[in-house]
Amino acid sequence: MDPLIVARKLDSLQRCLQRVREKCPENPAHLAADPDLQDIVVLNLSRAVQLCVTGLGLGLPGKLRHRTPAKAGLPTGRPGLRIR
């Protein structure tokens, strides 16, 4: 994988996580009461997860990259399934 792409993805990931740290209040009640703040936190967490998934996908061989969670032996999120 191109080191420049990895560096850019890591930089974006760090920015997203920093934004969450800056905006996520200590008191959960403040977050619950402020929809705009919720949007900021959720958007940046979503971006961070997407960057991780994309980065992981770039580093995996083609056959593994396109496997579903069930085929890879991972939890599928089915009702009643508990992930510990």
N, C-alpha and C. Protein backbone atom coordinates (compact mmCIF):
# COMPACT_ATOMS: atom_id res chain seq x y z
N MET A 1 0.84 -1.16 0.00
CA MET A 1 0.00 0.00 0.00
C MET A 1 0.90 1.24 0.00
N ASP A 2 0.46 2.25 -0.68
CA ASP A 2 1.21 3.50 -0.79
C ASP A 2 1.31 4.17 0.59
N PRO A 3 2.52 4.45 1.05
CA PRO A 3 2.69 5.07 2.37
C PRO A 3 2.00 6.43 2.49
N LEU A 4 1.90 7.16 1.39
CA LEU A 4 1.23 8.46 1.42
C LEU A 4 -0.26 8.29 1.72
N ILE A 5 -0.87 7.28 1.14
CA ILE A 5 -2.30 7.01 1.41
C ILE A 5 -2.49 6.64 2.87
N VAL A 6 -1.62 5.79 3.38
CA VAL A 6 -1.71 5.40 4.80
C VAL A 6 -1.56 6.62 5.69
N ALA A 7 -0.59 7.47 5.40
CA ALA A 7 -0.36 8.67 6.21
C ALA A 7 -1.57 9.59 6.19
N ARG A 8 -2.17 9.76 5.03
CA ARG A 8 -3.36 10.62 4.92
C ARG A 8 -4.54 10.04 5.69
N LYS A 9 -4.73 8.75 5.59
CA LYS A 9 -5.83 8.12 6.33
C LYS A 9 -5.61 8.23 7.84
N LEU A 10 -4.37 8.02 8.28
CA LEU A 10 -4.08 8.16 9.70
C LEU A 10 -4.27 9.59 10.19
N ASP A 11 -3.89 10.55 9.36
CA ASP A 11 -4.09 11.95 9.71
C ASP A 11 -5.58 12.27 9.84
N SER A 12 -6.37 11.80 8.88
CA SER A 12 -7.82 12.01 8.94
C SER A 12 -8.43 11.34 10.17
N LEU A 13 -7.96 10.13 10.46
CA LEU A 13 -8.45 9.42 11.63
C LEU A 13 -8.13 10.20 12.91
N GLN A 14 -6.92 10.70 13.01
CA GLN A 14 -6.53 11.48 14.19
C GLN A 14 -7.38 12.75 14.33
N ARG A 15 -7.67 13.40 13.21
CA ARG A 15 -8.51 14.61 13.26
C ARG A 15 -9.92 14.28 13.75
N CYS A 16 -10.49 13.18 13.24
CA CYS A 16 -11.83 12.77 13.67
C CYS A 16 -11.86 12.48 15.17
N LEU A 17 -10.88 11.72 15.63
CA LEU A 17 -10.86 11.37 17.05
C LEU A 17 -10.60 12.60 17.93
N GLN A 18 -9.77 13.53 17.45
CA GLN A 18 -9.53 14.75 18.21
C GLN A 18 -10.81 15.58 18.31
N ARG A 19 -11.56 15.63 17.24
CA ARG A 19 -12.83 16.37 17.23
C ARG A 19 -13.81 15.75 18.24
N VAL A 20 -13.85 14.43 18.30
CA VAL A 20 -14.72 13.76 19.28
C VAL A 20 -14.26 14.11 20.69
N ARG A 21 -12.95 14.06 20.94
CA ARG A 21 -12.43 14.41 22.27
C ARG A 21 -12.79 15.84 22.66
N GLU A 22 -12.69 16.74 21.70
CA GLU A 22 -12.98 18.16 21.96
C GLU A 22 -14.46 18.39 22.24
N LYS A 23 -15.32 17.71 21.53
CA LYS A 23 -16.75 18.01 21.59
C LYS A 23 -17.55 17.13 22.54
N CYS A 24 -17.04 15.96 22.89
CA CYS A 24 -17.79 15.07 23.76
C CYS A 24 -17.69 15.56 25.20
N PRO A 25 -18.80 15.96 25.80
CA PRO A 25 -18.75 16.51 27.16
C PRO A 25 -18.53 15.41 28.20
N GLU A 26 -18.03 15.83 29.35
CA GLU A 26 -17.81 14.90 30.47
C GLU A 26 -19.14 14.32 30.96
N ASN A 27 -20.17 15.14 30.96
CA ASN A 27 -21.47 14.75 31.47
C ASN A 27 -22.35 14.24 30.31
N PRO A 28 -22.74 12.98 30.30
CA PRO A 28 -23.58 12.45 29.22
C PRO A 28 -24.91 13.19 29.07
N ALA A 29 -25.40 13.78 30.14
CA ALA A 29 -26.66 14.53 30.06
C ALA A 29 -26.54 15.72 29.11
N HIS A 30 -25.36 16.34 29.09
CA HIS A 30 -25.15 17.47 28.17
C HIS A 30 -25.21 17.00 26.71
N LEU A 31 -24.63 15.85 26.46
CA LEU A 31 -24.67 15.29 25.11
C LEU A 31 -26.11 14.92 24.74
N ALA A 32 -26.82 14.33 25.66
CA ALA A 32 -28.21 13.93 25.40
C ALA A 32 -29.11 15.12 25.12
N ALA A 33 -28.78 16.27 25.69
CA ALA A 33 -29.63 17.46 25.55
C ALA A 33 -29.27 18.31 24.34
N ASP A 34 -28.20 18.01 23.64
CA ASP A 34 -27.74 18.87 22.55
C ASP A 34 -27.65 18.08 21.24
N PRO A 35 -28.69 18.16 20.40
CA PRO A 35 -28.69 17.39 19.14
C PRO A 35 -27.55 17.78 18.20
N ASP A 36 -27.16 19.05 18.20
CA ASP A 36 -26.06 19.45 17.33
C ASP A 36 -24.75 18.80 17.76
N LEU A 37 -24.54 18.74 19.05
CA LEU A 37 -23.34 18.10 19.59
C LEU A 37 -23.35 16.60 19.28
N GLN A 38 -24.53 15.99 19.38
CA GLN A 38 -24.67 14.58 19.03
C GLN A 38 -24.28 14.35 17.57
N ASP A 39 -24.74 15.25 16.69
CA ASP A 39 -24.41 15.12 15.27
C ASP A 39 -22.90 15.18 15.03
N ILE A 40 -22.24 16.12 15.70
CA ILE A 40 -20.79 16.27 15.54
C ILE A 40 -20.07 15.01 15.99
N VAL A 41 -20.46 14.50 17.15
CA VAL A 41 -19.79 13.32 17.71
C VAL A 41 -20.05 12.10 16.83
N VAL A 42 -21.30 11.88 16.46
CA VAL A 42 -21.65 10.71 15.65
C VAL A 42 -20.99 10.78 14.28
N LEU A 43 -21.00 11.95 13.65
CA LEU A 43 -20.39 12.09 12.34
C LEU A 43 -18.89 11.76 12.39
N ASN A 44 -18.21 12.28 13.38
CA ASN A 44 -16.77 12.03 13.47
C ASN A 44 -16.45 10.58 13.86
N LEU A 45 -17.27 9.99 14.71
CA LEU A 45 -17.07 8.56 15.02
C LEU A 45 -17.33 7.71 13.78
N SER A 46 -18.35 8.04 13.03
CA SER A 46 -18.66 7.30 11.80
C SER A 46 -17.52 7.41 10.80
N ARG A 47 -16.99 8.62 10.65
CA ARG A 47 -15.85 8.81 9.74
C ARG A 47 -14.65 8.00 10.21
N ALA A 48 -14.41 8.01 11.51
CA ALA A 48 -13.27 7.27 12.06
C ALA A 48 -13.40 5.77 11.76
N VAL A 49 -14.60 5.24 11.97
CA VAL A 49 -14.83 3.82 11.68
C VAL A 49 -14.64 3.54 10.20
N GLN A 50 -15.18 4.39 9.35
CA GLN A 50 -15.04 4.19 7.90
C GLN A 50 -13.58 4.23 7.48
N LEU A 51 -12.81 5.15 8.05
CA LEU A 51 -11.38 5.21 7.74
C LEU A 51 -10.67 3.93 8.16
N CYS A 52 -11.05 3.40 9.31
CA CYS A 52 -10.44 2.14 9.77
C CYS A 52 -10.80 0.99 8.85
N VAL A 53 -12.06 0.91 8.46
CA VAL A 53 -12.52 -0.17 7.58
C VAL A 53 -11.84 -0.05 6.21
N THR A 54 -11.79 1.15 5.68
CA THR A 54 -11.16 1.38 4.38
C THR A 54 -9.67 1.06 4.46
N GLY A 55 -9.02 1.51 5.51
CA GLY A 55 -7.60 1.23 5.67
C GLY A 55 -7.32 -0.24 5.80
N LEU A 56 -8.16 -0.94 6.53
CA LEU A 56 -7.99 -2.38 6.68
C LEU A 56 -8.19 -3.07 5.34
N GLY A 57 -9.19 -2.63 4.60
CA GLY A 57 -9.47 -3.23 3.29
C GLY A 57 -8.33 -3.03 2.31
N LEU A 58 -7.64 -1.91 2.40
CA LEU A 58 -6.52 -1.66 1.50
C LEU A 58 -5.34 -2.56 1.81
N GLY A 59 -5.24 -3.00 3.06
CA GLY A 59 -4.10 -3.80 3.45
C GLY A 59 -4.31 -5.30 3.36
N LEU A 60 -5.52 -5.73 3.02
CA LEU A 60 -5.81 -7.17 2.96
C LEU A 60 -5.71 -7.70 1.53
N PRO A 61 -5.30 -8.93 1.40
CA PRO A 61 -5.32 -9.54 0.06
C PRO A 61 -6.75 -9.61 -0.47
N GLY A 62 -6.89 -9.58 -1.78
CA GLY A 62 -8.21 -9.53 -2.42
C GLY A 62 -9.20 -10.58 -1.97
N LYS A 63 -8.77 -11.82 -1.78
CA LYS A 63 -9.70 -12.88 -1.41
C LYS A 63 -10.27 -12.65 -0.02
N LEU A 64 -9.47 -12.12 0.89
CA LEU A 64 -9.97 -11.88 2.24
C LEU A 64 -10.82 -10.61 2.31
N ARG A 65 -10.49 -9.65 1.50
CA ARG A 65 -11.14 -8.34 1.57
C ARG A 65 -12.64 -8.42 1.32
N HIS A 66 -13.07 -9.32 0.47
CA HIS A 66 -14.48 -9.35 0.05
C HIS A 66 -15.30 -10.41 0.78
N ARG A 67 -14.78 -10.97 1.83
CA ARG A 67 -15.52 -11.97 2.58
C ARG A 67 -16.53 -11.29 3.50
N THR A 68 -17.66 -11.93 3.66
CA THR A 68 -18.65 -11.41 4.60
C THR A 68 -18.22 -11.79 6.01
N PRO A 69 -18.74 -11.09 7.04
CA PRO A 69 -18.38 -11.46 8.42
C PRO A 69 -18.70 -12.92 8.73
N ALA A 70 -19.83 -13.41 8.26
CA ALA A 70 -20.21 -14.79 8.55
C ALA A 70 -19.22 -15.78 7.93
N LYS A 71 -18.81 -15.52 6.70
CA LYS A 71 -17.86 -16.41 6.03
C LYS A 71 -16.49 -16.36 6.68
N ALA A 72 -16.17 -15.22 7.30
CA ALA A 72 -14.87 -15.07 7.96
C ALA A 72 -14.91 -15.59 9.39
N GLY A 73 -16.08 -16.07 9.84
CA GLY A 73 -16.20 -16.60 11.20
C GLY A 73 -16.37 -15.52 12.25
N LEU A 74 -16.81 -14.33 11.83
CA LEU A 74 -17.01 -13.23 12.76
C LEU A 74 -18.48 -13.12 13.14
N PRO A 75 -18.78 -12.48 14.29
CA PRO A 75 -20.18 -12.29 14.66
C PRO A 75 -20.92 -11.48 13.59
N THR A 76 -22.18 -11.82 13.37
CA THR A 76 -22.95 -11.17 12.32
C THR A 76 -23.96 -10.17 12.85
N GLY A 77 -24.09 -10.05 14.15
CA GLY A 77 -25.05 -9.11 14.71
C GLY A 77 -26.48 -9.62 14.66
N ARG A 78 -26.66 -10.91 14.51
CA ARG A 78 -28.01 -11.47 14.50
C ARG A 78 -28.64 -11.28 15.86
N PRO A 79 -29.99 -11.15 15.90
CA PRO A 79 -30.67 -11.02 17.19
C PRO A 79 -30.34 -12.20 18.10
N GLY A 80 -30.07 -11.91 19.33
CA GLY A 80 -29.77 -12.95 20.31
C GLY A 80 -28.30 -13.29 20.39
N LEU A 81 -27.51 -12.78 19.46
CA LEU A 81 -26.07 -13.06 19.47
C LEU A 81 -25.39 -12.02 20.36
N ARG A 82 -24.63 -12.49 21.32
CA ARG A 82 -23.92 -11.58 22.21
C ARG A 82 -22.44 -11.60 21.88
N ILE A 83 -21.92 -10.40 21.75
CA ILE A 83 -20.49 -10.24 21.48
C ILE A 83 -19.84 -9.81 22.77
N ARG A 84 -18.86 -10.58 23.25
CA ARG A 84 -18.18 -10.25 24.50
C ARG A 84 -16.77 -9.86 24.26
